Amino acid sequence: MASIVNINYLAVLSAAISNMIIGFLWHGPLFGKQWMNLMGFTPKSMKSMKVTPKQAIAGGFVSAVIMSYVMAHFVGYVQASSIMDGLQVGFWLWLGFVATVMIGKVLWEGKPFKLFAINSGYWLVAMIVMGGILAVWR
């Protein structure tokens, strides 16, 4: 077991906020219309969802904080201390845990590969940015 990792909670919070900003841009102006179409959503169906936008944002933020906190441990375990180290941590965690899980939606659920590319692309960008923040701001 690796030694205890010192966590910079301000870095964890900043990385989580970066995740939310990237998500807003990714699922809004960058790929929002394509994503909604591939998901089969319409503006009307979005309004009738069980979770309100405020609840979704709050839940997403809690999830981003947890992810950032866990990622901070990985950054500490591998002693990442440069931007490149952090980007690599984000990349390898994305490849090993996010992309491999998300590809199941294509293989088993029949979702289009383009949807996988949009969704996993978001997580790739978010995780490498988070890893960079967490490695540099230790």
Protein backbone atom coordinates (compact mmCIF):
# COMPACT_ATOMS: atom_id res chain seq x y z
CA MET A 1 0.00 0.00 0.00
CA ALA A 2 1.30 3.43 -0.89
CA SER A 3 2.04 5.91 1.83
CA ILE A 4 -0.56 8.44 2.92
CA VAL A 5 -1.13 11.13 0.31
CA ASN A 6 -1.46 14.77 1.28
CA ILE A 7 -4.53 16.19 -0.44
CA ASN A 8 -4.79 19.84 -1.45
CA TYR A 9 -8.52 20.38 -1.04
CA LEU A 10 -8.46 23.68 -2.90
CA ALA A 11 -6.92 21.87 -5.87
CA VAL A 12 -9.62 19.17 -5.58
CA LEU A 13 -12.32 21.84 -5.61
CA SER A 14 -10.71 23.66 -8.55
CA ALA A 15 -10.40 20.44 -10.55
CA ALA A 16 -14.07 19.66 -9.86
CA ILE A 17 -15.08 23.14 -11.01
CA SER A 18 -13.01 22.68 -14.18
CA ASN A 19 -14.94 19.47 -14.83
CA MET A 20 -18.23 21.36 -14.55
CA ILE A 21 -17.06 24.15 -16.87
CA ILE A 22 -15.87 21.66 -19.48
CA GLY A 23 -19.16 19.78 -19.18
CA PHE A 24 -21.15 22.97 -19.67
CA LEU A 25 -19.17 23.86 -22.80
CA TRP A 26 -19.06 20.30 -24.15
CA HIS A 27 -22.77 19.56 -23.75
CA GLY A 28 -23.77 23.12 -24.61
CA PRO A 29 -22.19 25.17 -27.39
CA LEU A 30 -19.69 22.55 -28.60
CA PHE A 31 -21.69 19.32 -28.99
CA GLY A 32 -25.03 19.98 -27.27
CA LYS A 33 -27.28 19.67 -30.31
CA GLN A 34 -25.53 16.53 -31.59
CA TRP A 35 -25.57 14.98 -28.12
CA MET A 36 -29.29 15.70 -27.59
CA ASN A 37 -30.10 14.23 -31.01
CA LEU A 38 -28.05 11.08 -30.42
CA MET A 39 -29.63 10.65 -26.99
CA GLY A 40 -33.10 11.07 -28.49
CA PHE A 41 -33.85 14.14 -26.38
CA THR A 42 -35.92 17.12 -27.41
CA PRO A 43 -36.21 20.43 -25.56
CA LYS A 44 -39.69 19.30 -24.48
CA SER A 45 -38.51 15.93 -23.18
CA MET A 46 -35.64 17.61 -21.32
CA LYS A 47 -38.17 19.76 -19.44
CA SER A 48 -40.18 16.72 -18.36
CA MET A 49 -37.23 14.82 -16.86
CA LYS A 50 -37.53 13.53 -13.30
CA VAL A 51 -34.50 15.53 -12.15
CA THR A 52 -34.55 19.32 -12.34
CA PRO A 53 -31.58 21.11 -13.93
CA LYS A 54 -30.53 22.41 -10.48
CA GLN A 55 -30.62 18.89 -9.05
CA ALA A 56 -28.63 17.54 -12.00
CA ILE A 57 -26.00 20.26 -11.61
CA ALA A 58 -25.75 19.66 -7.86
CA GLY A 59 -25.44 15.91 -8.36
CA GLY A 60 -22.89 16.41 -11.11
CA PHE A 61 -20.85 18.69 -8.88
CA VAL A 62 -20.84 16.18 -6.01
CA SER A 63 -19.75 13.51 -8.49
CA ALA A 64 -16.99 15.79 -9.84
CA VAL A 65 -15.69 16.47 -6.32
CA ILE A 66 -15.56 12.74 -5.56
CA MET A 67 -13.78 12.04 -8.86
CA SER A 68 -11.32 14.84 -8.23
CA TYR A 69 -10.62 13.63 -4.69
CA VAL A 70 -9.97 10.08 -5.87
CA MET A 71 -7.83 11.33 -8.74
CA ALA A 72 -5.79 13.39 -6.26
CA HIS A 73 -4.88 10.13 -4.55
CA PHE A 74 -3.68 8.63 -7.83
CA VAL A 75 -1.68 11.79 -8.56
CA GLY A 76 -0.07 11.42 -5.14
CA TYR A 77 0.56 7.69 -5.49
CA VAL A 78 2.48 8.15 -8.74
CA GLN A 79 4.10 11.34 -7.41
CA ALA A 80 2.97 13.37 -10.40
CA SER A 81 4.29 16.89 -10.03
CA SER A 82 4.31 18.42 -13.51
CA ILE A 83 1.58 19.30 -15.95
CA MET A 84 2.64 16.44 -18.22
CA ASP A 85 2.57 13.98 -15.31
CA GLY A 86 -0.95 15.12 -14.44
CA LEU A 87 -2.15 14.90 -18.03
CA GLN A 88 -0.82 11.34 -18.19
CA VAL A 89 -2.58 10.37 -14.96
CA GLY A 90 -5.83 11.75 -16.36
CA PHE A 91 -5.32 9.96 -19.66
CA TRP A 92 -4.52 6.55 -18.16
CA LEU A 93 -7.40 6.73 -15.69
CA TRP A 94 -9.72 7.71 -18.55
CA LEU A 95 -8.46 4.91 -20.80
CA GLY A 96 -8.49 2.23 -18.12
CA PHE A 97 -11.74 3.04 -16.36
CA VAL A 98 -13.95 5.42 -18.34
CA ALA A 99 -13.45 4.56 -22.01
CA THR A 100 -13.49 0.83 -21.33
CA VAL A 101 -16.77 1.05 -19.41
CA MET A 102 -18.41 3.47 -21.85
CA ILE A 103 -17.63 1.35 -24.92
CA GLY A 104 -20.14 -1.16 -23.50
CA LYS A 105 -22.91 1.24 -24.49
CA VAL A 106 -21.88 0.72 -28.11
CA LEU A 107 -21.20 -3.00 -27.85
CA TRP A 108 -24.12 -4.08 -25.65
CA GLU A 109 -26.72 -1.32 -25.77
CA GLY A 110 -26.56 -0.52 -29.47
CA LYS A 111 -25.76 3.16 -28.95
CA PRO A 112 -24.06 4.92 -31.87
CA PHE A 113 -20.29 5.18 -31.83
CA LYS A 114 -20.63 8.92 -32.36
CA LEU A 115 -22.39 9.17 -28.99
CA PHE A 116 -19.54 7.21 -27.41
CA ALA A 117 -17.07 9.62 -29.02
CA ILE A 118 -18.89 12.69 -27.67
CA ASN A 119 -19.37 11.28 -24.18
CA SER A 120 -15.97 9.70 -23.75
CA GLY A 121 -14.29 12.69 -25.43
CA TYR A 122 -15.77 14.90 -22.74
CA TRP A 123 -14.40 12.65 -20.03
CA LEU A 124 -10.99 12.52 -21.70
CA VAL A 125 -10.70 16.30 -21.78
CA ALA A 126 -12.13 16.71 -18.27
CA MET A 127 -9.87 14.09 -16.74
CA ILE A 128 -6.64 15.30 -18.32
CA VAL A 129 -7.40 18.87 -17.22
CA MET A 130 -8.25 17.65 -13.72
CA GLY A 131 -5.06 15.58 -13.59
CA GLY A 132 -3.01 18.58 -14.71
CA ILE A 133 -4.53 20.80 -12.02
CA LEU A 134 -4.06 18.21 -9.31
CA ALA A 135 -0.44 17.44 -10.23
CA VAL A 136 0.71 21.06 -10.48
CA TRP A 137 -1.23 22.32 -7.47
CA ARG A 138 -0.12 19.82 -4.83
